[in-house]
Amino acid sequence: MPSIDFVSRAAESIRAAEEKRKKLVEKIAPFKERKMSAFDRMVEPVSRPVLNCKIAGVDSGFVGESFLSLDLVLIRAKAVVFEYSNGKLAKADYLPDYYSFPEPVISNRALQKEDISTNKSLQRLGREIELAEQAIKEFSPEYCFLDGSIVPQHADKPRSNSKMQSFYKGVISKFESLFKTAMEKDCTVIGCVEDSRGTRFKEIVEETIGREGFAGLNECFDAVLLDSLLKEGERSFAFPYAKNTEEHPVLKDFSREFAGMVHAFYVKPSALDRPLRAEFLLGEKQGRKEIDRIASVVYAQSCLHREYAYPAVLIEADLRARLRPEEVEIIHNKIFDRIGGSARLELRRSKRPF
């Protein structure tokens, strides 16, 4: 059991951090009306529309298992398409189906230990993006929500000498193909990050209003800072994903056309939950009207639960994609039954007799 003194110090540290954040928000609050971009003030209101459209959402569940000479990843990607009429859900479609078994993906490239997690992540991400493009082609939704960022994360990028490099480049190509298809079909792709640890908002605040008097700003994530700064039904200004796309570790791998289009904002759909980060593409000829349109749909999709502000279509996609332990066990057993007992694939640590 931890000592009482340790618990007290931990609690006091958390309280001190919260107090510091509150004071910081009090200093920033007078700048809420400050113009932060060509389109937005620091904080802008968001309207809640009555939905009359199709909205797709894509998510996946996955689990990976390593063996002596191969790696196995089980993936179930699911696309859900909600059709709304006068603000009510009129129809729901599922791709590939309402229920489907996870797909086994086997890699026998003798990956280094640090590449195993990258492989799992890229396999899942590639399948999600393929399914998102397929859903747009088949159902023609006006919006397509992705669970997570609209681009791969730094952690998804393999080392320069990794065997995963070619596969990573293929995933980047899939993202660009999705963007092109969405633009051709007049569909807006929106990535929603459930628990964002981004810092781009506060970096721009520092650059715009100066660092003097804002000690501690670099100790807060954007979502934590904006939790007190935003009220329900408000959003932050929209900002470019990166200050310099050519120096960003992931955006520099995209074509210049798409790298410069990636933008984000934070919106607060519920007073009892933190702000939600939304990412999207913003063209050169698009501006405030497009940003407001996207923000209003994110708000309408995410305000249905007081304590969990997340798009309804992604909640449904997550429920349908989530893997159950018994499914994993069934597929695992079937593969090994087919191989037979002569194949020595299991790792030593997985068959310890004690």
Protein backbone atom coordinates (compact mmCIF):
# COMPACT_ATOMS: atom_id res chain seq x y z
CA MET A 1 0.00 0.00 0.00
CA PRO A 2 1.32 3.51 -0.80
CA SER A 3 2.09 5.65 2.22
CA ILE A 4 -0.35 8.35 3.33
CA ASP A 5 2.38 10.93 2.77
CA PHE A 6 2.85 9.81 -0.84
CA VAL A 7 -0.88 10.00 -1.56
CA SER A 8 -1.12 13.44 0.04
CA ARG A 9 1.78 14.77 -2.02
CA ALA A 10 0.28 13.38 -5.23
CA ALA A 11 -3.11 14.93 -4.46
CA GLU A 12 -1.52 18.27 -3.61
CA SER A 13 0.46 18.22 -6.85
CA ILE A 14 -2.74 17.68 -8.85
CA ARG A 15 -4.57 20.45 -6.98
CA ALA A 16 -1.67 22.85 -7.57
CA ALA A 17 -1.65 22.07 -11.30
CA GLU A 18 -5.41 22.69 -11.50
CA GLU A 19 -5.08 26.00 -9.68
CA LYS A 20 -2.27 27.05 -12.00
CA ARG A 21 -4.41 26.20 -15.02
CA LYS A 22 -7.35 28.22 -13.71
CA LYS A 23 -5.18 31.29 -13.21
CA LEU A 24 -3.76 30.86 -16.70
CA VAL A 25 -7.26 30.69 -18.21
CA GLU A 26 -8.22 33.86 -16.32
CA LYS A 27 -5.30 35.66 -17.99
CA ILE A 28 -6.17 34.37 -21.48
CA ALA A 29 -9.96 34.91 -21.20
CA PRO A 30 -9.78 38.68 -22.00
CA PHE A 31 -8.30 37.73 -25.40
CA LYS A 32 -11.28 35.55 -26.42
CA GLU A 33 -12.43 38.25 -28.86
CA ARG A 34 -8.94 38.63 -30.31
CA LYS A 35 -8.64 37.92 -34.04
CA MET A 36 -6.42 34.84 -34.36
CA SER A 37 -6.70 34.09 -38.09
CA ALA A 38 -8.12 35.54 -41.27
CA PHE A 39 -11.44 33.90 -40.37
CA ASP A 40 -11.77 33.53 -36.61
CA ARG A 41 -11.49 35.08 -33.21
CA MET A 42 -9.95 32.96 -30.46
CA VAL A 43 -13.41 31.67 -29.48
CA GLU A 44 -16.38 31.41 -31.83
CA PRO A 45 -20.00 30.25 -31.30
CA VAL A 46 -21.24 27.08 -33.00
CA SER A 47 -24.81 26.54 -34.21
CA ARG A 48 -26.54 23.19 -33.90
CA PRO A 49 -28.25 22.28 -37.17
CA VAL A 50 -31.18 19.98 -37.86
CA LEU A 51 -29.48 17.18 -39.78
CA ASN A 52 -30.80 16.14 -43.18
CA CYS A 53 -27.88 14.21 -44.62
CA LYS A 54 -25.88 11.00 -44.66
CA ILE A 55 -22.97 10.71 -42.25
CA ALA A 56 -20.45 7.86 -42.34
CA GLY A 57 -18.19 6.81 -39.48
CA VAL A 58 -15.25 4.40 -39.61
CA ASP A 59 -13.45 2.66 -36.75
CA SER A 60 -11.66 -0.62 -36.15
CA GLY A 61 -10.83 -3.06 -33.43
CA PHE A 62 -7.58 -4.96 -33.54
CA VAL A 63 -5.32 -7.21 -31.52
CA GLY A 64 -1.84 -8.45 -32.33
CA GLU A 65 -0.01 -11.60 -31.33
CA SER A 66 3.65 -12.39 -31.95
CA PHE A 67 5.05 -15.85 -32.68
CA LEU A 68 8.56 -17.09 -33.27
CA SER A 69 8.64 -16.55 -37.03
CA LEU A 70 5.59 -14.41 -37.75
CA ASP A 71 3.24 -11.77 -36.38
CA LEU A 72 -0.54 -12.09 -36.47
CA VAL A 73 -2.90 -9.10 -36.39
CA LEU A 74 -6.66 -9.54 -36.19
CA ILE A 75 -8.54 -6.52 -37.52
CA ARG A 76 -12.21 -5.74 -37.78
CA ALA A 77 -12.82 -2.43 -39.53
CA LYS A 78 -16.39 -1.22 -39.65
CA ALA A 79 -18.08 1.59 -41.54
CA VAL A 80 -21.46 2.85 -40.35
CA VAL A 81 -23.64 5.19 -42.42
CA PHE A 82 -26.40 7.11 -40.63
CA GLU A 83 -29.06 8.79 -42.74
CA TYR A 84 -30.85 11.67 -41.00
CA SER A 85 -34.20 13.22 -41.84
CA ASN A 86 -35.39 16.30 -39.93
CA GLY A 87 -32.80 15.66 -37.26
CA LYS A 88 -33.83 12.06 -36.66
CA LEU A 89 -32.06 8.85 -37.62
CA ALA A 90 -34.03 7.38 -40.51
CA LYS A 91 -31.72 4.56 -41.61
CA ALA A 92 -28.43 2.87 -40.74
CA ASP A 93 -26.20 0.91 -43.11
CA TYR A 94 -23.10 -1.14 -42.28
CA LEU A 95 -20.05 -2.05 -44.30
CA PRO A 96 -19.08 -4.81 -44.81
CA ASP A 97 -22.05 -6.06 -42.72
CA TYR A 98 -23.63 -5.51 -39.31
CA TYR A 99 -21.46 -8.37 -38.04
CA SER A 100 -18.31 -9.86 -39.54
CA PHE A 101 -15.44 -11.90 -38.14
CA PRO A 102 -12.08 -10.17 -37.71
CA GLU A 103 -9.68 -10.46 -40.63
CA PRO A 104 -6.35 -12.19 -39.86
CA VAL A 105 -3.31 -10.41 -41.28
CA ILE A 106 -0.06 -12.38 -41.13
CA SER A 107 3.38 -10.84 -41.47
CA ASN A 108 6.43 -13.09 -41.74
CA ARG A 109 9.00 -10.37 -42.49
CA ALA A 110 10.98 -11.05 -39.31
CA LEU A 111 10.31 -7.59 -37.92
CA GLN A 112 12.50 -6.02 -35.30
CA LYS A 113 10.89 -5.60 -31.89
CA GLU A 114 10.36 -1.85 -32.34
CA ASP A 115 8.59 -2.44 -35.68
CA ILE A 116 5.99 -4.87 -34.36
CA SER A 117 3.74 -2.20 -32.85
CA THR A 118 4.22 -0.02 -35.95
CA ASN A 119 3.12 -2.92 -38.12
CA LYS A 120 -0.05 -3.45 -36.08
CA SER A 121 -0.91 0.23 -36.16
CA LEU A 122 -0.31 0.64 -39.90
CA GLN A 123 -2.23 -2.53 -40.77
CA ARG A 124 -5.24 -1.24 -38.82
CA LEU A 125 -4.93 2.28 -40.21
CA GLY A 126 -4.64 1.08 -43.81
CA ARG A 127 -7.77 -1.05 -43.50
CA GLU A 128 -9.74 1.82 -41.95
CA ILE A 129 -8.83 4.24 -44.72
CA GLU A 130 -9.63 1.69 -47.44
CA LEU A 131 -13.04 1.10 -45.87
CA ALA A 132 -13.71 4.84 -45.52
CA GLU A 133 -13.08 5.32 -49.25
CA GLN A 134 -15.28 2.34 -50.07
CA ALA A 135 -18.10 3.74 -47.91
CA ILE A 136 -17.91 7.11 -49.69
CA LYS A 137 -18.06 5.43 -53.09
CA GLU A 138 -20.97 3.15 -52.20
CA PHE A 139 -23.17 5.40 -50.03
CA SER A 140 -22.21 8.98 -51.05
CA PRO A 141 -22.39 10.51 -47.56
CA GLU A 142 -21.98 14.26 -47.12
CA TYR A 143 -19.59 13.66 -44.21
CA CYS A 144 -17.20 10.86 -43.28
CA PHE A 145 -15.93 10.75 -39.70
CA LEU A 146 -12.69 8.96 -38.85
CA ASP A 147 -11.89 7.81 -35.33
CA GLY A 148 -8.65 9.65 -34.61
CA SER A 149 -6.49 11.98 -36.63
CA ILE A 150 -6.98 12.71 -40.30
CA VAL A 151 -3.31 11.79 -40.91
CA PRO A 152 -1.00 9.11 -39.43
CA GLN A 153 0.74 9.98 -36.17
CA HIS A 154 4.49 10.29 -35.59
CA ALA A 155 4.39 7.00 -33.68
CA ASP A 156 3.01 5.29 -36.79
CA LYS A 157 6.05 6.24 -38.86
CA PRO A 158 8.77 3.57 -39.00
CA ARG A 159 12.51 4.19 -38.83
CA SER A 160 14.22 5.19 -42.08
CA ASN A 161 15.89 1.76 -42.37
CA SER A 162 12.83 -0.22 -41.30
CA LYS A 163 11.26 -2.97 -43.40
CA MET A 164 7.96 -1.16 -42.80
CA GLN A 165 8.95 1.89 -44.85
CA SER A 166 7.34 0.74 -48.10
CA PHE A 167 4.14 -0.25 -46.29
CA TYR A 168 4.05 3.13 -44.55
CA LYS A 169 4.32 4.91 -47.92
CA GLY A 170 1.44 2.77 -49.13
CA VAL A 171 -0.69 3.93 -46.21
CA ILE A 172 0.12 7.56 -47.04
CA SER A 173 -1.05 6.85 -50.62
CA LYS A 174 -4.31 5.41 -49.23
CA PHE A 175 -4.93 8.61 -47.28
CA GLU A 176 -4.38 10.72 -50.39
CA SER A 177 -6.66 8.44 -52.40
CA LEU A 178 -9.35 8.87 -49.72
CA PHE A 179 -8.99 12.66 -49.86
CA LYS A 180 -9.25 12.69 -53.66
CA THR A 181 -12.32 10.45 -53.66
CA ALA A 182 -13.98 12.57 -50.96
CA MET A 183 -13.39 15.75 -52.95
CA GLU A 184 -14.76 14.16 -56.12
CA LYS A 185 -17.86 12.95 -54.24
CA ASP A 186 -18.32 16.25 -52.36
CA CYS A 187 -17.82 14.50 -49.02
CA THR A 188 -16.12 16.20 -46.06
CA VAL A 189 -13.67 13.97 -44.17
CA ILE A 190 -13.44 14.78 -40.46
CA GLY A 191 -11.09 13.16 -37.97
CA CYS A 192 -12.13 13.28 -34.30
CA VAL A 193 -9.49 12.73 -31.63
CA GLU A 194 -11.06 11.33 -28.48
CA ASP A 195 -8.30 12.26 -26.01
CA SER A 196 -6.10 14.78 -27.76
CA ARG A 197 -2.70 15.68 -26.37
CA GLY A 198 -2.12 18.34 -29.03
CA THR A 199 -0.36 21.61 -28.29
CA ARG A 200 -0.76 23.55 -31.55
CA PHE A 201 -3.48 25.87 -30.19
CA LYS A 202 -1.38 27.15 -27.31
CA GLU A 203 1.66 27.50 -29.56
CA ILE A 204 -0.31 29.89 -31.78
CA VAL A 205 -1.62 31.74 -28.71
CA GLU A 206 1.96 32.27 -27.56
CA GLU A 207 3.00 33.50 -30.99
CA THR A 208 0.04 35.87 -31.29
CA ILE A 209 -0.35 37.44 -27.84
CA GLY A 210 3.17 36.82 -26.52
CA ARG A 211 4.57 34.62 -23.76
CA GLU A 212 5.03 37.35 -21.18
CA GLY A 213 2.67 36.86 -18.25
CA PHE A 214 1.62 33.39 -19.39
CA ALA A 215 4.06 31.25 -17.45
CA GLY A 216 2.90 27.64 -17.37
CA LEU A 217 1.26 27.69 -20.80
CA ASN A 218 3.74 25.10 -22.05
CA GLU A 219 2.64 22.73 -19.26
CA CYS A 220 -0.93 22.37 -20.57
CA PHE A 221 -2.35 20.35 -23.42
CA ASP A 222 -4.77 22.25 -25.65
CA ALA A 223 -7.84 20.27 -24.54
CA VAL A 224 -7.07 20.86 -20.86
CA LEU A 225 -6.60 24.60 -21.36
CA LEU A 226 -9.71 24.95 -23.53
CA ASP A 227 -11.87 22.96 -21.12
CA SER A 228 -12.23 26.11 -19.00
CA LEU A 229 -11.88 28.64 -21.80
CA LEU A 230 -14.74 27.26 -23.94
CA LYS A 231 -18.39 27.06 -23.01
CA GLU A 232 -20.82 24.50 -24.39
CA GLY A 233 -21.57 25.32 -28.02
CA GLU A 234 -18.30 27.15 -28.64
CA ARG A 235 -15.18 26.32 -30.62
CA SER A 236 -11.63 27.56 -30.89
CA PHE A 237 -10.33 29.26 -34.01
CA ALA A 238 -9.35 26.91 -36.83
CA PHE A 239 -5.61 26.52 -37.32
CA PRO A 240 -3.18 24.69 -39.63
CA TYR A 241 -2.14 21.26 -38.39
CA ALA A 242 1.56 22.22 -38.44
CA LYS A 243 3.52 25.46 -38.56
CA ASN A 244 5.77 24.15 -41.33
CA THR A 245 4.51 21.14 -43.27
CA GLU A 246 7.90 20.53 -44.89
CA GLU A 247 9.49 20.02 -41.48
CA HIS A 248 6.65 18.03 -39.93
CA PRO A 249 7.69 14.33 -39.66
CA VAL A 250 4.45 13.03 -41.23
CA LEU A 251 2.99 15.87 -43.32
CA LYS A 252 6.23 16.15 -45.29
CA ASP A 253 5.46 12.68 -46.67
CA PHE A 254 2.19 13.92 -48.20
CA SER A 255 1.91 15.85 -51.44
CA ARG A 256 2.18 19.62 -50.93
CA GLU A 257 -1.46 19.97 -52.01
CA PHE A 258 -2.86 17.94 -49.13
CA ALA A 259 -0.22 18.73 -46.49
CA GLY A 260 -1.17 22.41 -46.52
CA MET A 261 -4.91 21.69 -46.34
CA VAL A 262 -4.95 19.87 -42.99
CA HIS A 263 -6.55 22.05 -40.31
CA ALA A 264 -8.08 21.56 -36.87
CA PHE A 265 -10.16 23.21 -34.17
CA TYR A 266 -11.55 22.28 -30.76
CA VAL A 267 -15.28 22.31 -30.08
CA LYS A 268 -17.09 21.83 -26.77
CA PRO A 269 -20.33 19.90 -27.38
CA SER A 270 -21.12 19.39 -23.68
CA ALA A 271 -20.54 21.40 -20.52
CA LEU A 272 -19.69 18.20 -18.63
CA ASP A 273 -17.00 16.88 -20.97
CA ARG A 274 -13.75 18.21 -22.38
CA PRO A 275 -13.46 19.85 -25.81
CA LEU A 276 -13.17 17.56 -28.81
CA ARG A 277 -10.44 18.02 -31.41
CA ALA A 278 -11.70 17.87 -35.00
CA GLU A 279 -9.40 17.74 -38.04
CA PHE A 280 -10.37 18.40 -41.65
CA LEU A 281 -9.17 19.64 -45.03
CA LEU A 282 -9.55 23.32 -45.83
CA GLY A 283 -8.96 24.46 -49.40
CA GLU A 284 -7.43 27.78 -50.41
CA LYS A 285 -10.79 29.13 -51.57
CA GLN A 286 -12.65 27.94 -48.48
CA GLY A 287 -13.01 29.97 -45.29
CA ARG A 288 -15.24 30.80 -42.36
CA LYS A 289 -18.41 29.39 -43.93
CA GLU A 290 -16.79 25.97 -44.44
CA ILE A 291 -15.31 25.95 -40.92
CA ASP A 292 -18.68 26.81 -39.38
CA ARG A 293 -20.41 24.09 -41.43
CA ILE A 294 -17.99 21.42 -40.23
CA ALA A 295 -18.12 22.64 -36.62
CA SER A 296 -21.93 22.57 -36.58
CA VAL A 297 -22.06 18.95 -37.78
CA VAL A 298 -19.41 17.84 -35.25
CA TYR A 299 -21.42 19.62 -32.54
CA ALA A 300 -24.72 18.04 -33.59
CA GLN A 301 -23.17 14.57 -33.71
CA SER A 302 -21.34 14.88 -30.38
CA CYS A 303 -23.77 16.56 -27.97
CA LEU A 304 -26.13 13.64 -27.41
CA HIS A 305 -24.58 12.55 -24.09
CA ARG A 306 -23.91 15.04 -21.31
CA GLU A 307 -20.73 13.36 -20.08
CA TYR A 308 -19.33 11.81 -23.26
CA ALA A 309 -19.01 14.24 -26.15
CA TYR A 310 -18.17 12.13 -29.20
CA PRO A 311 -19.85 11.66 -32.62
CA ALA A 312 -22.75 9.20 -32.44
CA VAL A 313 -21.75 7.57 -35.73
CA LEU A 314 -18.26 6.80 -34.35
CA ILE A 315 -19.69 5.40 -31.13
CA GLU A 316 -21.75 2.97 -33.20
CA ALA A 317 -18.75 2.11 -35.41
CA ASP A 318 -16.66 1.40 -32.30
CA LEU A 319 -19.33 -0.92 -30.85
CA ARG A 320 -19.56 -2.88 -34.10
CA ALA A 321 -15.76 -3.06 -34.61
CA ARG A 322 -14.72 -3.96 -31.09
CA LEU A 323 -13.13 -7.41 -30.77
CA ARG A 324 -14.37 -9.85 -28.16
CA PRO A 325 -11.93 -12.26 -26.42
CA GLU A 326 -13.86 -15.32 -27.57
CA GLU A 327 -13.55 -14.25 -31.23
CA VAL A 328 -9.80 -13.89 -30.89
CA GLU A 329 -9.55 -17.30 -29.25
CA ILE A 330 -11.68 -18.98 -31.96
CA ILE A 331 -9.53 -17.64 -34.81
CA HIS A 332 -6.29 -18.40 -32.94
CA ASN A 333 -7.38 -22.01 -32.32
CA LYS A 334 -8.57 -22.55 -35.89
CA ILE A 335 -5.24 -21.37 -37.33
CA PHE A 336 -3.24 -23.65 -35.05
CA ASP A 337 -5.56 -26.60 -35.66
CA ARG A 338 -4.98 -26.19 -39.39
CA ILE A 339 -1.19 -25.87 -38.99
CA GLY A 340 -0.90 -28.87 -36.72
CA GLY A 341 1.33 -29.50 -33.75
CA SER A 342 4.56 -29.87 -35.76
CA ALA A 343 4.98 -26.12 -36.24
CA ARG A 344 6.98 -24.64 -33.37
CA LEU A 345 5.63 -21.09 -33.51
CA GLU A 346 4.81 -20.13 -29.95
CA LEU A 347 7.27 -17.99 -28.06
CA ARG A 348 9.03 -19.58 -25.12
CA ARG A 349 7.52 -17.10 -22.63
CA SER A 350 3.98 -18.05 -23.71
CA LYS A 351 4.38 -21.71 -22.74
CA ARG A 352 6.18 -21.51 -19.41
CA PRO A 353 5.31 -24.46 -17.18
CA PHE A 354 5.44 -22.29 -14.05
